[in-house]
Amino acid sequence: MQEIQLKDLYDGFRDAKTIKAYKKIIDEDAKKLDRTINIMEVCGGHTHTIMKYGIPQLLPSNIKFIHGPGCPVCIMPKERIDHAYILSMQKDVILVTLGDMIKVPGSKGSLQDARSKGADVRFVYSPMDCIKIADENPNKKIIFFAIGFETTTPMTAALLNTVIKQNIKNILFHINHVTVPEVMSELIDSRDEHVDSYNHNIDAFLGPSHVSVISGSKIYEKFPKEYNTPVVVAGFEPVDVMQSISMIVKQFIENRCELEIEYKRLVSYDGNIKAQELINNYFEKISLFKWRGLGNIKDSGLKLKKDYEDYDAEVIYKDILPIEEIEDHKLCICSDILRGMASPTDCTIFGTACKPNKPVGSCMVSSEGACAAYYKYGNLL
């Protein structure tokens, strides 16, 4: 028996003939649409697939993409980046976080800048690496700067669970986990006091893949029911995206508005119940969480429950962590891009003053940001 290679698992989802077949189906169905439909992909992974494989060029003119919030790095506000920077500069502190955070600029600089000034900042692939770091540095405080949507929250909860069970005293947490449904609602009917009201252009959503593996598709039920906006949970490969677009178009021509799952090989309606239970054991909703470019969004962030404040770096270091709000660069239009009101190429500093190696706005700082995708795949390199 021939050994299965990794590429064997995804080659079929990148098959050119299948993509072209879906293009033909979409072209025929799109002729029956009575207006243009705007589809927002919430996840930056979808944005990169869409750009990398030239999917906009495959679609008829009455099907458009709107690029949404993208990734948790893109939406991390300067205030919280400053928290990470300040904590990293404290004596006998090792700040640990995921690698995408290294270049994100706050008002004081990035974590890369902090390292150049002598801070002990370490980037890991797994939060559980904090256990080894703490064991090797018993006289230092290890602060895990936790970021991510529902996808990575269980890993932070698993780390905290291990810390408690093993009675590890030198690991603390700065929690920056956010949840997707609340920002989707915000994108449709924002009334945040820090963001002017706007008329959204969203007709349908491509639901995030990995978020849905954890939370299940059930978290999107309200969008077809309350907002008359269909959601199709899509996988990351180009065939997934094309099939999901086809499913959305068919809903419009059949006068349906439903929640559907294209990514059935991994996503279920209920999701990963054990992961959800682990999250619920340690976290609760925070009343407001500021999203970079979007403002304060109600119930969209998580924090440690009061029972676990002894592990909460925001509580322990509250006297040195600023709470004042910080404005973004005046020329940056990431707020409009994140809301689907503008394209990266509408920005006057895109590809000039703002590049991946020197990002100004949030959409360029992460590899999953819309601006980074346009820069990488838009013939600007």
Protein backbone atom coordinates (compact mmCIF):
# COMPACT_ATOMS: atom_id res chain seq x y z
CA MET A 1 0.00 0.00 0.00
CA GLN A 2 1.35 3.41 -0.98
CA GLU A 3 1.97 5.75 1.94
CA ILE A 4 -0.34 8.76 2.01
CA GLN A 5 1.47 12.07 1.60
CA LEU A 6 0.28 15.31 3.16
CA LYS A 7 -0.50 16.82 -0.24
CA ASP A 8 -2.80 13.90 -0.98
CA LEU A 9 -5.14 15.29 1.67
CA TYR A 10 -5.61 18.67 0.01
CA ASP A 11 -4.81 18.22 -3.69
CA GLY A 12 -8.42 17.41 -4.51
CA PHE A 13 -9.54 20.68 -2.93
CA ARG A 14 -7.19 22.60 -5.24
CA ASP A 15 -8.11 20.75 -8.42
CA ALA A 16 -8.35 23.15 -11.39
CA LYS A 17 -11.07 21.14 -13.16
CA THR A 18 -13.28 21.19 -10.07
CA ILE A 19 -12.74 24.92 -9.61
CA LYS A 20 -13.67 25.53 -13.26
CA ALA A 21 -16.75 23.34 -12.88
CA TYR A 22 -17.93 25.43 -9.94
CA LYS A 23 -17.18 28.58 -11.95
CA LYS A 24 -19.52 27.34 -14.68
CA ILE A 25 -22.28 26.59 -12.15
CA ILE A 26 -21.87 29.99 -10.49
CA ASP A 27 -21.87 31.82 -13.85
CA GLU A 28 -25.15 30.19 -14.85
CA ASP A 29 -26.82 30.77 -11.48
CA ALA A 30 -25.60 34.37 -11.28
CA LYS A 31 -27.58 35.20 -14.43
CA LYS A 32 -30.72 34.64 -12.35
CA LEU A 33 -29.74 37.18 -9.69
CA ASP A 34 -31.68 40.44 -9.78
CA ARG A 35 -28.86 42.44 -8.14
CA THR A 36 -25.23 42.33 -7.10
CA ILE A 37 -24.51 40.34 -3.93
CA ASN A 38 -21.68 41.23 -1.58
CA ILE A 39 -20.15 38.34 0.35
CA MET A 40 -18.01 39.04 3.40
CA GLU A 41 -15.36 36.53 4.36
CA VAL A 42 -14.79 37.11 8.07
CA CYS A 43 -11.56 35.13 8.32
CA GLY A 44 -8.18 36.23 6.94
CA GLY A 45 -7.42 32.67 5.89
CA HIS A 46 -10.28 32.94 3.40
CA THR A 47 -9.01 36.33 2.22
CA HIS A 48 -5.64 34.82 1.34
CA THR A 49 -7.21 31.87 -0.49
CA ILE A 50 -9.44 34.25 -2.43
CA MET A 51 -6.49 36.43 -3.45
CA LYS A 52 -3.91 33.66 -3.96
CA TYR A 53 -6.10 31.68 -6.35
CA GLY A 54 -7.54 34.70 -8.17
CA ILE A 55 -11.09 33.83 -7.23
CA PRO A 56 -12.47 37.37 -7.80
CA GLN A 57 -11.33 37.09 -11.42
CA LEU A 58 -13.25 33.82 -11.78
CA LEU A 59 -16.57 35.24 -10.65
CA PRO A 60 -19.18 37.18 -12.62
CA SER A 61 -19.38 40.93 -12.06
CA ASN A 62 -22.49 40.70 -9.87
CA ILE A 63 -20.71 38.74 -7.13
CA LYS A 64 -18.35 40.79 -4.98
CA PHE A 65 -16.17 40.12 -1.94
CA ILE A 66 -15.97 42.28 1.16
CA HIS A 67 -12.96 41.62 3.38
CA GLY A 68 -13.84 41.43 7.07
CA PRO A 69 -11.89 41.64 10.34
CA GLY A 70 -9.43 38.97 9.22
CA CYS A 71 -7.59 37.78 12.30
CA PRO A 72 -7.13 38.47 16.02
CA VAL A 73 -3.77 40.11 15.37
CA CYS A 74 -5.32 42.57 12.91
CA ILE A 75 -7.93 43.73 15.38
CA MET A 76 -5.68 43.99 18.46
CA PRO A 77 -5.85 47.65 19.59
CA LYS A 78 -2.76 49.69 20.35
CA GLU A 79 -3.79 49.90 24.00
CA ARG A 80 -3.36 46.15 24.44
CA ILE A 81 -0.14 46.05 22.42
CA ASP A 82 1.14 48.70 24.83
CA HIS A 83 0.18 46.42 27.73
CA ALA A 84 2.33 43.66 26.24
CA TYR A 85 5.20 46.09 25.65
CA ILE A 86 5.06 47.47 29.21
CA LEU A 87 4.81 44.03 30.79
CA SER A 88 7.76 42.78 28.77
CA MET A 89 9.93 45.62 30.08
CA GLN A 90 9.31 44.75 33.73
CA LYS A 91 12.11 43.29 35.81
CA ASP A 92 12.16 39.49 36.05
CA VAL A 93 9.35 39.09 33.51
CA ILE A 94 9.36 36.84 30.46
CA LEU A 95 6.56 37.71 28.07
CA VAL A 96 5.37 34.79 25.94
CA THR A 97 2.98 35.03 23.01
CA LEU A 98 2.25 33.66 19.55
CA GLY A 99 4.61 34.57 16.71
CA ASP A 100 2.28 36.82 14.70
CA MET A 101 2.39 39.39 17.51
CA ILE A 102 6.06 40.30 17.04
CA LYS A 103 5.58 43.09 14.48
CA VAL A 104 2.29 44.61 15.64
CA PRO A 105 2.95 48.29 16.45
CA GLY A 106 1.52 49.95 19.53
CA SER A 107 2.08 53.55 20.54
CA LYS A 108 5.34 52.61 22.27
CA GLY A 109 6.58 50.24 19.59
CA SER A 110 6.29 46.54 18.85
CA LEU A 111 7.41 43.53 20.85
CA GLN A 112 10.26 43.28 18.36
CA ASP A 113 11.31 46.76 19.50
CA ALA A 114 11.02 45.68 23.13
CA ARG A 115 13.35 42.76 22.46
CA SER A 116 15.90 45.09 20.90
CA LYS A 117 15.84 47.08 24.15
CA GLY A 118 16.57 44.03 26.25
CA ALA A 119 13.12 42.66 27.07
CA ASP A 120 12.80 38.88 27.29
CA VAL A 121 10.04 38.25 24.75
CA ARG A 122 9.51 34.72 23.46
CA PHE A 123 7.30 33.45 20.69
CA VAL A 124 5.81 29.97 20.82
CA TYR A 125 3.63 27.73 18.67
CA SER A 126 1.83 26.25 21.64
CA PRO A 127 0.83 27.92 24.93
CA MET A 128 1.91 24.74 26.71
CA ASP A 129 5.51 25.74 25.98
CA CYS A 130 5.06 28.16 28.90
CA ILE A 131 5.33 25.19 31.28
CA LYS A 132 8.89 24.46 30.21
CA ILE A 133 9.86 28.13 30.25
CA ALA A 134 8.46 28.51 33.77
CA ASP A 135 10.31 25.39 34.96
CA GLU A 136 13.60 26.68 33.55
CA ASN A 137 13.08 30.14 35.08
CA PRO A 138 11.63 29.59 38.58
CA ASN A 139 12.58 33.08 39.79
CA LYS A 140 10.82 34.90 36.94
CA LYS A 141 7.21 35.64 36.12
CA ILE A 142 6.08 34.12 32.84
CA ILE A 143 3.25 36.20 31.37
CA PHE A 144 1.36 34.55 28.54
CA PHE A 145 -0.15 37.24 26.32
CA ALA A 146 -3.08 35.21 25.00
CA ILE A 147 -4.68 36.16 21.68
CA GLY A 148 -7.10 34.55 19.28
CA PHE A 149 -10.67 33.88 18.31
CA GLU A 150 -12.53 30.82 19.61
CA THR A 151 -9.93 28.70 17.77
CA THR A 152 -7.07 29.28 20.24
CA THR A 153 -9.04 29.96 23.42
CA PRO A 154 -9.19 26.25 24.42
CA MET A 155 -5.37 26.11 24.34
CA THR A 156 -5.15 28.99 26.81
CA ALA A 157 -7.76 27.30 29.00
CA ALA A 158 -5.79 24.04 28.83
CA LEU A 159 -2.63 25.86 29.93
CA LEU A 160 -4.43 27.45 32.87
CA ASN A 161 -5.92 24.09 33.79
CA THR A 162 -2.43 22.57 33.86
CA VAL A 163 -0.98 25.49 35.82
CA ILE A 164 -3.64 25.06 38.51
CA LYS A 165 -3.35 21.27 38.69
CA GLN A 166 0.45 21.37 38.90
CA ASN A 167 0.38 24.33 41.30
CA ILE A 168 2.73 26.38 39.13
CA LYS A 169 3.14 29.78 40.77
CA ASN A 170 5.08 31.77 38.20
CA ILE A 171 2.75 31.77 35.17
CA LEU A 172 0.30 34.62 34.65
CA PHE A 173 -2.14 35.43 31.83
CA HIS A 174 -3.02 38.58 29.92
CA ILE A 175 -6.23 37.59 28.13
CA ASN A 176 -7.10 39.05 24.71
CA HIS A 177 -9.40 36.38 23.33
CA VAL A 178 -12.33 37.62 21.26
CA THR A 179 -15.44 36.01 19.81
CA VAL A 180 -16.71 36.15 16.24
CA PRO A 181 -20.55 36.39 16.30
CA GLU A 182 -20.55 39.71 18.14
CA VAL A 183 -18.32 41.42 15.59
CA MET A 184 -20.44 40.02 12.76
CA SER A 185 -23.45 41.68 14.37
CA GLU A 186 -21.44 44.88 14.79
CA LEU A 187 -20.59 44.89 11.11
CA ILE A 188 -24.28 44.80 10.26
CA ASP A 189 -25.76 47.26 12.77
CA SER A 190 -23.04 49.22 14.55
CA ARG A 191 -24.18 51.77 17.07
CA ASP A 192 -20.91 51.97 19.01
CA GLU A 193 -20.29 55.38 20.55
CA HIS A 194 -16.72 55.44 19.21
CA VAL A 195 -17.66 54.59 15.63
CA ASP A 196 -20.03 56.58 13.45
CA SER A 197 -23.05 54.63 12.27
CA TYR A 198 -22.75 53.38 8.73
CA ASN A 199 -24.77 51.58 6.11
CA HIS A 200 -23.36 48.09 5.68
CA ASN A 201 -23.02 46.42 2.29
CA ILE A 202 -23.07 42.81 3.52
CA ASP A 203 -25.50 40.42 1.84
CA ALA A 204 -23.99 37.12 3.06
CA PHE A 205 -21.16 35.74 5.16
CA LEU A 206 -18.55 33.08 4.54
CA GLY A 207 -18.33 31.66 8.06
CA PRO A 208 -14.84 31.05 9.53
CA SER A 209 -13.50 27.51 9.35
CA HIS A 210 -11.42 26.89 12.47
CA VAL A 211 -13.60 29.00 14.75
CA SER A 212 -16.55 26.84 13.72
CA VAL A 213 -14.67 23.61 14.45
CA ILE A 214 -14.58 24.69 18.11
CA SER A 215 -17.85 26.60 18.50
CA GLY A 216 -19.97 24.79 15.93
CA SER A 217 -22.10 26.45 13.28
CA LYS A 218 -24.81 27.10 15.88
CA ILE A 219 -23.19 30.43 16.78
CA TYR A 220 -24.36 31.88 13.43
CA GLU A 221 -28.04 30.92 13.75
CA LYS A 222 -29.17 34.46 14.45
CA PHE A 223 -27.87 35.92 11.18
CA PRO A 224 -30.38 34.30 8.84
CA LYS A 225 -33.11 34.52 11.48
CA GLU A 226 -32.62 38.06 12.81
CA TYR A 227 -30.66 39.83 10.08
CA ASN A 228 -31.93 38.01 6.97
CA THR A 229 -28.28 37.35 6.10
CA PRO A 230 -27.25 33.83 5.03
CA VAL A 231 -24.09 32.19 6.37
CA VAL A 232 -22.17 29.34 4.76
CA VAL A 233 -19.32 27.93 6.85
CA ALA A 234 -16.49 27.39 4.38
CA GLY A 235 -13.23 25.47 4.32
CA PHE A 236 -9.96 27.18 3.40
CA GLU A 237 -9.15 25.58 0.06
CA PRO A 238 -10.19 27.14 -3.27
CA VAL A 239 -12.70 24.38 -4.04
CA ASP A 240 -14.24 24.98 -0.60
CA VAL A 241 -14.58 28.68 -1.31
CA MET A 242 -16.05 28.16 -4.79
CA GLN A 243 -18.55 25.59 -3.50
CA SER A 244 -19.54 27.94 -0.66
CA ILE A 245 -20.10 30.82 -3.09
CA SER A 246 -22.25 28.52 -5.20
CA MET A 247 -24.29 27.60 -2.12
CA ILE A 248 -24.81 31.29 -1.28
CA VAL A 249 -25.87 32.17 -4.84
CA LYS A 250 -28.36 29.30 -4.88
CA GLN A 251 -29.90 30.59 -1.65
CA PHE A 252 -30.52 33.97 -3.29
CA ILE A 253 -32.03 32.62 -6.51
CA GLU A 254 -34.20 30.18 -4.52
CA ASN A 255 -35.32 32.90 -2.08
CA ARG A 256 -33.83 31.08 0.87
CA CYS A 257 -31.92 32.53 3.81
CA GLU A 258 -30.21 29.80 5.81
CA LEU A 259 -27.20 28.69 7.81
CA GLU A 260 -25.35 25.97 5.89
CA ILE A 261 -22.08 24.09 6.35
CA GLU A 262 -19.84 23.46 3.35
CA TYR A 263 -16.88 22.44 5.55
CA LYS A 264 -18.65 19.28 6.73
CA ARG A 265 -15.46 17.24 6.95
CA LEU A 266 -14.56 19.13 10.13
CA VAL A 267 -17.43 21.37 11.24
CA SER A 268 -20.60 20.23 12.97
CA TYR A 269 -23.59 22.16 14.29
CA ASP A 270 -22.62 21.68 17.96
CA GLY A 271 -18.84 21.92 17.61
CA ASN A 272 -16.28 20.62 20.11
CA ILE A 273 -18.27 20.33 23.34
CA LYS A 274 -15.26 19.46 25.51
CA ALA A 275 -13.35 22.51 24.28
CA GLN A 276 -16.39 24.70 24.95
CA GLU A 277 -16.69 23.31 28.49
CA LEU A 278 -13.02 24.01 29.14
CA ILE A 279 -13.45 27.61 27.98
CA ASN A 280 -16.57 28.08 30.10
CA ASN A 281 -14.78 26.76 33.19
CA TYR A 282 -12.26 29.60 33.23
CA PHE A 283 -13.58 32.47 31.12
CA GLU A 284 -16.51 34.84 31.08
CA LYS A 285 -17.61 37.63 28.79
CA ILE A 286 -16.18 41.13 29.22
CA SER A 287 -18.76 43.90 28.81
CA LEU A 288 -16.76 45.79 26.15
CA PHE A 289 -13.69 44.88 24.12
CA LYS A 290 -12.09 47.38 21.77
CA TRP A 291 -11.37 46.05 18.28
CA ARG A 292 -8.77 47.96 16.31
CA GLY A 293 -10.58 49.91 13.63
CA LEU A 294 -14.04 48.93 14.88
CA GLY A 295 -14.26 50.42 18.36
CA ASN A 296 -15.78 48.92 21.48
CA ILE A 297 -17.97 45.91 20.81
CA LYS A 298 -20.27 44.61 23.51
CA ASP A 299 -19.68 41.08 24.86
CA SER A 300 -17.04 40.37 22.21
CA GLY A 301 -14.11 39.62 24.52
CA LEU A 302 -13.27 37.17 27.27
CA LYS A 303 -11.61 37.57 30.65
CA LEU A 304 -10.64 35.23 33.46
CA LYS A 305 -13.38 34.58 35.99
CA LYS A 306 -12.97 36.24 39.38
CA ASP A 307 -11.97 32.91 40.97
CA TYR A 308 -8.80 32.99 38.85
CA GLU A 309 -7.71 36.61 39.39
CA ASP A 310 -4.51 35.39 41.04
CA TYR A 311 -3.40 34.37 37.54
CA ASP A 312 -4.59 37.57 35.82
CA ALA A 313 -1.74 39.88 34.80
CA GLU A 314 -4.21 42.70 34.11
CA VAL A 315 -5.28 42.59 37.75
CA ILE A 316 -1.83 42.08 39.26
CA TYR A 317 -0.16 44.79 37.16
CA LYS A 318 -3.16 47.15 36.93
CA ASP A 319 -1.23 50.08 38.47
CA ILE A 320 1.22 50.23 35.54
CA LEU A 321 -1.11 49.35 32.65
CA PRO A 322 -2.65 52.40 30.95
CA ILE A 323 -6.36 52.55 30.17
CA GLU A 324 -6.45 55.66 27.95
CA GLU A 325 -7.66 55.12 24.39
CA ILE A 326 -5.21 55.64 21.52
CA GLU A 327 -6.14 56.80 18.04
CA ASP A 328 -4.85 55.07 14.91
CA HIS A 329 -2.80 56.78 12.20
CA LYS A 330 -4.87 59.50 10.49
CA LEU A 331 -4.04 58.29 6.96
CA CYS A 332 -4.86 54.66 7.73
CA ILE A 333 -8.29 53.47 6.53
CA CYS A 334 -8.16 50.02 8.14
CA SER A 335 -11.34 50.84 10.04
CA ASP A 336 -13.20 51.14 6.73
CA ILE A 337 -11.49 48.03 5.32
CA LEU A 338 -12.37 45.97 8.40
CA ARG A 339 -16.00 47.03 8.02
CA GLY A 340 -16.08 46.24 4.32
CA MET A 341 -16.55 49.88 3.35
CA ALA A 342 -13.24 50.18 1.46
CA SER A 343 -10.61 48.08 -0.30
CA PRO A 344 -6.89 48.10 0.60
CA THR A 345 -6.10 49.74 -2.72
CA ASP A 346 -8.30 52.70 -1.72
CA CYS A 347 -5.74 53.62 0.94
CA THR A 348 -3.26 56.36 -0.04
CA ILE A 349 -0.40 54.80 1.95
CA PHE A 350 -0.98 51.18 0.87
CA GLY A 351 2.20 49.74 -0.65
CA THR A 352 4.13 52.96 -0.06
CA ALA A 353 4.37 54.13 3.54
CA CYS A 354 2.55 50.99 4.71
CA LYS A 355 4.17 47.66 3.81
CA PRO A 356 4.50 44.28 5.58
CA ASN A 357 8.04 45.11 6.73
CA LYS A 358 6.87 48.47 8.09
CA PRO A 359 3.14 48.25 8.76
CA VAL A 360 1.13 51.32 9.71
CA GLY A 361 -2.33 49.79 9.97
CA SER A 362 -3.72 46.64 11.50
CA CYS A 363 -4.61 45.04 8.14
CA MET A 364 -0.94 44.98 7.15
CA VAL A 365 0.65 43.80 10.41
CA SER A 366 -0.50 40.20 10.15
CA SER A 367 0.00 37.74 7.33
CA GLU A 368 -3.78 37.15 7.46
CA GLY A 369 -4.73 40.80 7.09
CA ALA A 370 -6.53 42.01 3.96
CA CYS A 371 -3.83 44.55 3.11
CA ALA A 372 -1.09 41.96 3.53
CA ALA A 373 -2.99 39.64 1.17
CA TYR A 374 -3.41 42.35 -1.44
CA TYR A 375 0.26 43.28 -1.14
CA LYS A 376 1.46 39.70 -1.46
CA TYR A 377 -0.81 38.63 -4.29
CA GLY A 378 -1.50 41.95 -6.00
CA ASN A 379 1.65 42.14 -8.15
CA LEU A 380 3.24 44.73 -5.86
CA LEU A 381 6.27 42.66 -4.83
